[in-house]
Amino acid sequence: MKYKKLLTGFFKKPLFAQIILLMALAGIISFFKPSFDFSNGNTSGLATLVINLETEKRFFEGEVVKDMTMLDALNAAVSVGNIKLNYAIDKSGDVNIMEIDGHTNGVDNKYFVFYLNSKKVAAKDLNKKPVYNRDRIEIRNE
């Protein structure tokens, strides 16, 4: 009988200590969780570009690189999507988009409107607005 009491008492103490140790370990892991990033640091993620014009709608998805702007993303889509893009940057650094994929800005009182995550962005600021992982850029002719 003494043997059973001795075994029961012996196993209760380590089990309690193991539970406390696991709880402490879980607390430490949750505290330092932001610093555990096992993903490849070279990939910054993907962004989506939607060109939504009257007669066509085109989607592009591509990798976001460091210091990428909306204009950079548009240029990247142009290079892979066989899209004609005609724009100019004036002396003050403002962008003026004249044509996208055969659609001219200002014809029939319709202008290119740019959105970043559903928020309107002035065309002149396309080279100043950064793009990040999971961003969605949309171009409409309104």
Protein backbone atom coordinates (compact mmCIF):
# COMPACT_ATOMS: atom_id res chain seq x y z
CA MET A 1 0.00 0.00 0.00
CA LYS A 2 2.85 2.36 0.83
CA TYR A 3 4.27 1.66 -2.60
CA LYS A 4 1.12 2.94 -4.37
CA LYS A 5 1.08 6.12 -2.27
CA LEU A 6 4.74 6.66 -3.01
CA LEU A 7 4.17 6.28 -6.80
CA THR A 8 1.09 8.54 -6.79
CA GLY A 9 2.93 11.28 -4.89
CA PHE A 10 5.99 10.90 -7.08
CA PHE A 11 4.11 11.30 -10.38
CA LYS A 12 1.94 14.19 -9.22
CA LYS A 13 4.89 16.47 -8.54
CA PRO A 14 6.60 16.11 -11.96
CA LEU A 15 3.26 16.37 -13.77
CA PHE A 16 2.50 19.64 -11.99
CA ALA A 17 6.03 20.89 -12.72
CA GLN A 18 5.68 19.92 -16.39
CA ILE A 19 2.38 21.79 -16.69
CA ILE A 20 3.94 24.91 -15.13
CA LEU A 21 6.95 24.58 -17.47
CA LEU A 22 4.71 24.26 -20.56
CA MET A 23 2.65 27.27 -19.52
CA ALA A 24 5.81 29.33 -19.00
CA LEU A 25 7.17 28.20 -22.37
CA ALA A 26 3.89 29.11 -24.10
CA GLY A 27 3.99 32.54 -22.46
CA ILE A 28 7.55 33.15 -23.61
CA ILE A 29 6.75 32.06 -27.17
CA SER A 30 3.67 34.29 -27.36
CA PHE A 31 5.68 37.21 -25.97
CA PHE A 32 8.46 36.86 -28.58
CA LYS A 33 6.23 35.73 -31.45
CA PRO A 34 6.77 38.88 -33.62
CA SER A 35 10.50 38.21 -33.71
CA PHE A 36 10.01 34.67 -35.05
CA ASP A 37 9.83 35.30 -38.77
CA PHE A 38 10.82 32.18 -40.67
CA SER A 39 9.79 33.52 -44.08
CA ASN A 40 12.33 34.48 -46.67
CA GLY A 41 13.31 38.10 -46.02
CA ASN A 42 13.90 38.78 -49.73
CA THR A 43 10.26 38.44 -50.78
CA SER A 44 8.14 41.42 -49.91
CA GLY A 45 4.82 39.97 -50.98
CA LEU A 46 2.40 40.55 -53.81
CA ALA A 47 0.26 43.46 -54.93
CA THR A 48 -2.59 43.53 -57.44
CA LEU A 49 -3.15 46.02 -60.25
CA VAL A 50 -6.56 46.23 -61.91
CA ILE A 51 -7.02 48.26 -65.09
CA ASN A 52 -10.78 48.72 -65.31
CA LEU A 53 -11.59 50.64 -68.48
CA GLU A 54 -14.96 50.84 -70.29
CA THR A 55 -14.33 47.99 -72.71
CA GLU A 56 -11.86 45.84 -70.82
CA LYS A 57 -10.73 44.79 -67.38
CA ARG A 58 -7.24 43.41 -66.83
CA PHE A 59 -5.66 42.03 -63.67
CA PHE A 60 -1.99 41.85 -62.82
CA GLU A 61 -0.31 40.47 -59.75
CA GLY A 62 3.33 40.94 -59.02
CA GLU A 63 6.01 41.07 -56.40
CA VAL A 64 6.40 44.25 -54.38
CA VAL A 65 9.98 45.44 -54.07
CA LYS A 66 11.45 47.91 -51.62
CA ASP A 67 10.48 51.56 -52.26
CA MET A 68 8.03 50.58 -55.01
CA THR A 69 5.51 53.25 -56.02
CA MET A 70 2.20 53.04 -57.84
CA LEU A 71 3.92 54.28 -61.00
CA ASP A 72 6.54 51.53 -60.67
CA ALA A 73 3.78 48.93 -60.38
CA LEU A 74 2.05 50.33 -63.45
CA ASN A 75 5.34 50.25 -65.41
CA ALA A 76 5.90 46.63 -64.35
CA ALA A 77 2.42 45.66 -65.57
CA VAL A 78 3.04 47.50 -68.84
CA SER A 79 6.22 45.53 -69.47
CA VAL A 80 4.56 42.12 -69.02
CA GLY A 81 1.05 42.87 -70.25
CA ASN A 82 1.65 44.47 -73.64
CA ILE A 83 -0.03 47.69 -72.52
CA LYS A 84 0.76 51.04 -74.05
CA LEU A 85 1.47 53.65 -71.39
CA ASN A 86 2.23 57.26 -72.20
CA TYR A 87 3.04 59.59 -69.33
CA ALA A 88 5.28 62.50 -68.44
CA ILE A 89 6.84 63.79 -65.24
CA ASP A 90 7.19 67.57 -65.06
CA LYS A 91 9.92 69.62 -63.38
CA SER A 92 8.10 69.63 -60.04
CA GLY A 93 7.90 65.82 -60.06
CA ASP A 94 4.18 65.55 -60.83
CA VAL A 95 2.99 62.70 -63.08
CA ASN A 96 0.70 63.34 -66.03
CA ILE A 97 -0.83 60.18 -67.52
CA MET A 98 -1.83 60.76 -71.13
CA GLU A 99 -2.72 57.28 -72.39
CA ILE A 100 -3.24 53.77 -71.06
CA ASP A 101 -3.79 50.83 -73.41
CA GLY A 102 -5.28 52.90 -76.22
CA HIS A 103 -7.49 55.04 -73.95
CA THR A 104 -6.62 58.73 -73.89
CA ASN A 105 -7.03 60.75 -70.73
CA GLY A 106 -9.73 63.44 -70.96
CA VAL A 107 -11.57 62.14 -74.05
CA ASP A 108 -15.38 62.46 -73.77
CA ASN A 109 -14.85 64.18 -70.42
CA LYS A 110 -13.52 60.91 -68.88
CA TYR A 111 -10.31 60.90 -66.92
CA PHE A 112 -8.13 58.20 -65.40
CA VAL A 113 -8.85 57.83 -61.70
CA PHE A 114 -6.40 55.89 -59.54
CA TYR A 115 -7.23 54.04 -56.33
CA LEU A 116 -4.96 52.43 -53.76
CA ASN A 117 -6.91 50.05 -51.53
CA SER A 118 -10.16 51.80 -52.54
CA LYS A 119 -8.81 55.25 -51.63
CA LYS A 120 -8.50 57.80 -54.41
CA VAL A 121 -4.97 58.90 -55.31
CA ALA A 122 -4.21 61.93 -57.47
CA ALA A 123 -2.52 60.98 -60.74
CA LYS A 124 0.21 63.54 -60.10
CA ASP A 125 1.24 61.59 -56.96
CA LEU A 126 1.64 58.15 -58.55
CA ASN A 127 5.42 58.32 -58.25
CA LYS A 128 5.19 59.33 -54.58
CA LYS A 129 2.64 56.82 -53.25
CA PRO A 130 4.36 53.63 -51.98
CA VAL A 131 2.97 50.15 -52.60
CA TYR A 132 3.15 47.42 -49.96
CA ASN A 133 2.34 43.74 -49.64
CA ARG A 134 -1.33 42.92 -50.40
CA ASP A 135 -2.09 46.38 -51.79
CA ARG A 136 -4.67 46.70 -54.56
CA ILE A 137 -4.26 49.38 -57.21
CA GLU A 138 -7.18 50.11 -59.50
CA ILE A 139 -7.33 52.37 -62.53
CA ARG A 140 -10.72 53.48 -63.83
CA ASN A 141 -11.74 55.80 -66.65
CA GLU A 142 -14.49 57.95 -65.08
